[in-house]
Amino acid sequence: MQLGTRWNAGGEPPARLSADVVATIRQVEASHLDATPLPRWTLTWLEGRPVAELDDGATVTIVTTDAAGTPVVRIED
């Protein structure tokens, strides 16, 4: 695992993320932008793949990629 970074929902994601992952992050966070305070993304890297987690206090939404590089969204309660 490689340490990454944190940023607020609606903020600028790290430039290292692919355009497809950024588009998926934007879709996920669209429903969180009225929250106060804004939830924060946590980005780590596992086996070279991004693992972006958005914790809104009730659920954790995870955006990662499959082996082909296609974004995958998972929600954990």
C-alpha atoms as a PDB file:
ATOM      1  CA  MET A   1       0.000   0.000   0.000  1.00  0.00           C
ATOM      2  CA  GLN A   2       1.205   3.465  -0.849  1.00  0.00           C
ATOM      3  CA  LEU A   3       0.118   6.511   1.121  1.00  0.00           C
ATOM      4  CA  GLY A   4      -1.769   9.119  -0.828  1.00  0.00           C
ATOM      5  CA  THR A   5      -3.557  12.311   0.076  1.00  0.00           C
ATOM      6  CA  ARG A   6      -6.812  13.827   1.314  1.00  0.00           C
ATOM      7  CA  TRP A   7      -9.087  16.493  -0.170  1.00  0.00           C
ATOM      8  CA  ASN A   8     -12.592  17.864   0.391  1.00  0.00           C
ATOM      9  CA  ALA A   9     -15.490  16.676  -1.763  1.00  0.00           C
ATOM     10  CA  GLY A  10     -15.814  19.147  -4.614  1.00  0.00           C
ATOM     11  CA  GLY A  11     -12.115  19.990  -4.444  1.00  0.00           C
ATOM     12  CA  GLU A  12      -9.455  19.158  -7.005  1.00  0.00           C
ATOM     13  CA  PRO A  13      -8.519  15.449  -7.015  1.00  0.00           C
ATOM     14  CA  PRO A  14      -4.844  14.534  -7.384  1.00  0.00           C
ATOM     15  CA  ALA A  15      -3.555  14.888 -10.951  1.00  0.00           C
ATOM     16  CA  ARG A  16      -2.233  11.318 -10.914  1.00  0.00           C
ATOM     17  CA  LEU A  17      -5.796   9.912 -11.132  1.00  0.00           C
ATOM     18  CA  SER A  18      -7.119   8.939 -14.565  1.00  0.00           C
ATOM     19  CA  ALA A  19      -9.879  10.991 -16.174  1.00  0.00           C
ATOM     20  CA  ASP A  20     -12.276   8.035 -15.788  1.00  0.00           C
ATOM     21  CA  VAL A  21     -11.611   7.787 -12.046  1.00  0.00           C
ATOM     22  CA  VAL A  22     -12.004  11.568 -11.620  1.00  0.00           C
ATOM     23  CA  ALA A  23     -15.335  11.462 -13.512  1.00  0.00           C
ATOM     24  CA  THR A  24     -16.544   8.656 -11.219  1.00  0.00           C
ATOM     25  CA  ILE A  25     -15.428  10.600  -8.129  1.00  0.00           C
ATOM     26  CA  ARG A  26     -17.374  13.644  -9.376  1.00  0.00           C
ATOM     27  CA  GLN A  27     -20.509  11.507  -9.841  1.00  0.00           C
ATOM     28  CA  VAL A  28     -20.206  10.061  -6.331  1.00  0.00           C
ATOM     29  CA  GLU A  29     -19.587  13.374  -4.602  1.00  0.00           C
ATOM     30  CA  ALA A  30     -22.403  15.230  -6.407  1.00  0.00           C
ATOM     31  CA  SER A  31     -24.885  14.051  -3.772  1.00  0.00           C
ATOM     32  CA  HIS A  32     -22.594  15.136  -0.906  1.00  0.00           C
ATOM     33  CA  LEU A  33     -21.860  18.746  -1.825  1.00  0.00           C
ATOM     34  CA  ASP A  34     -24.568  20.239   0.477  1.00  0.00           C
ATOM     35  CA  ALA A  35     -23.215  18.395   3.518  1.00  0.00           C
ATOM     36  CA  THR A  36     -21.782  20.439   6.367  1.00  0.00           C
ATOM     37  CA  PRO A  37     -18.980  19.897   6.916  1.00  0.00           C
ATOM     38  CA  LEU A  38     -17.991  18.575   3.499  1.00  0.00           C
ATOM     39  CA  PRO A  39     -16.846  14.958   3.612  1.00  0.00           C
ATOM     40  CA  ARG A  40     -13.242  14.312   2.664  1.00  0.00           C
ATOM     41  CA  TRP A  41     -11.727  11.880   0.231  1.00  0.00           C
ATOM     42  CA  THR A  42      -8.800   9.718   1.301  1.00  0.00           C
ATOM     43  CA  LEU A  43      -6.648   8.344  -1.502  1.00  0.00           C
ATOM     44  CA  THR A  44      -4.266   5.432  -1.119  1.00  0.00           C
ATOM     45  CA  TRP A  45      -2.745   3.088  -3.695  1.00  0.00           C
ATOM     46  CA  LEU A  46      -2.962  -0.690  -3.475  1.00  0.00           C
ATOM     47  CA  GLU A  47      -0.979  -2.769  -5.971  1.00  0.00           C
ATOM     48  CA  GLY A  48      -0.734   0.285  -8.229  1.00  0.00           C
ATOM     49  CA  ARG A  49      -4.482   0.928  -8.233  1.00  0.00           C
ATOM     50  CA  PRO A  50      -6.128   3.982  -6.658  1.00  0.00           C
ATOM     51  CA  VAL A  51      -8.424   3.465  -3.674  1.00  0.00           C
ATOM     52  CA  ALA A  52     -10.394   6.675  -3.011  1.00  0.00           C
ATOM     53  CA  GLU A  53     -12.696   6.584   0.029  1.00  0.00           C
ATOM     54  CA  LEU A  54     -15.390   9.161   0.809  1.00  0.00           C
ATOM     55  CA  ASP A  55     -16.660   8.861   4.388  1.00  0.00           C
ATOM     56  CA  ASP A  56     -19.834  10.876   5.023  1.00  0.00           C
ATOM     57  CA  GLY A  57     -20.311   9.605   8.572  1.00  0.00           C
ATOM     58  CA  ALA A  58     -23.038   7.120   7.594  1.00  0.00           C
ATOM     59  CA  THR A  59     -21.436   5.216   4.733  1.00  0.00           C
ATOM     60  CA  VAL A  60     -18.063   4.900   3.072  1.00  0.00           C
ATOM     61  CA  THR A  61     -18.048   5.050  -0.715  1.00  0.00           C
ATOM     62  CA  ILE A  62     -14.971   3.547  -2.342  1.00  0.00           C
ATOM     63  CA  VAL A  63     -13.859   4.284  -5.895  1.00  0.00           C
ATOM     64  CA  THR A  64     -11.148   2.010  -7.278  1.00  0.00           C
ATOM     65  CA  THR A  65     -10.381   0.295 -10.567  1.00  0.00           C
ATOM     66  CA  ASP A  66     -10.596  -3.271 -11.803  1.00  0.00           C
ATOM     67  CA  ALA A  67      -7.726  -5.060 -13.562  1.00  0.00           C
ATOM     68  CA  ALA A  68      -8.637  -3.371 -16.865  1.00  0.00           C
ATOM     69  CA  GLY A  69      -8.528   0.102 -15.281  1.00  0.00           C
ATOM     70  CA  THR A  70     -12.302   0.597 -15.327  1.00  0.00           C
ATOM     71  CA  PRO A  71     -13.615   2.507 -12.284  1.00  0.00           C
ATOM     72  CA  VAL A  72     -15.579   0.473  -9.743  1.00  0.00           C
ATOM     73  CA  VAL A  73     -17.751   1.934  -6.963  1.00  0.00           C
ATOM     74  CA  ARG A  74     -18.448   0.088  -3.702  1.00  0.00           C
ATOM     75  CA  ILE A  75     -20.525   1.321  -0.767  1.00  0.00           C
ATOM     76  CA  GLU A  76     -19.947   0.072   2.781  1.00  0.00           C
ATOM     77  CA  ASP A  77     -22.227   0.782   5.736  1.00  0.00           C
END
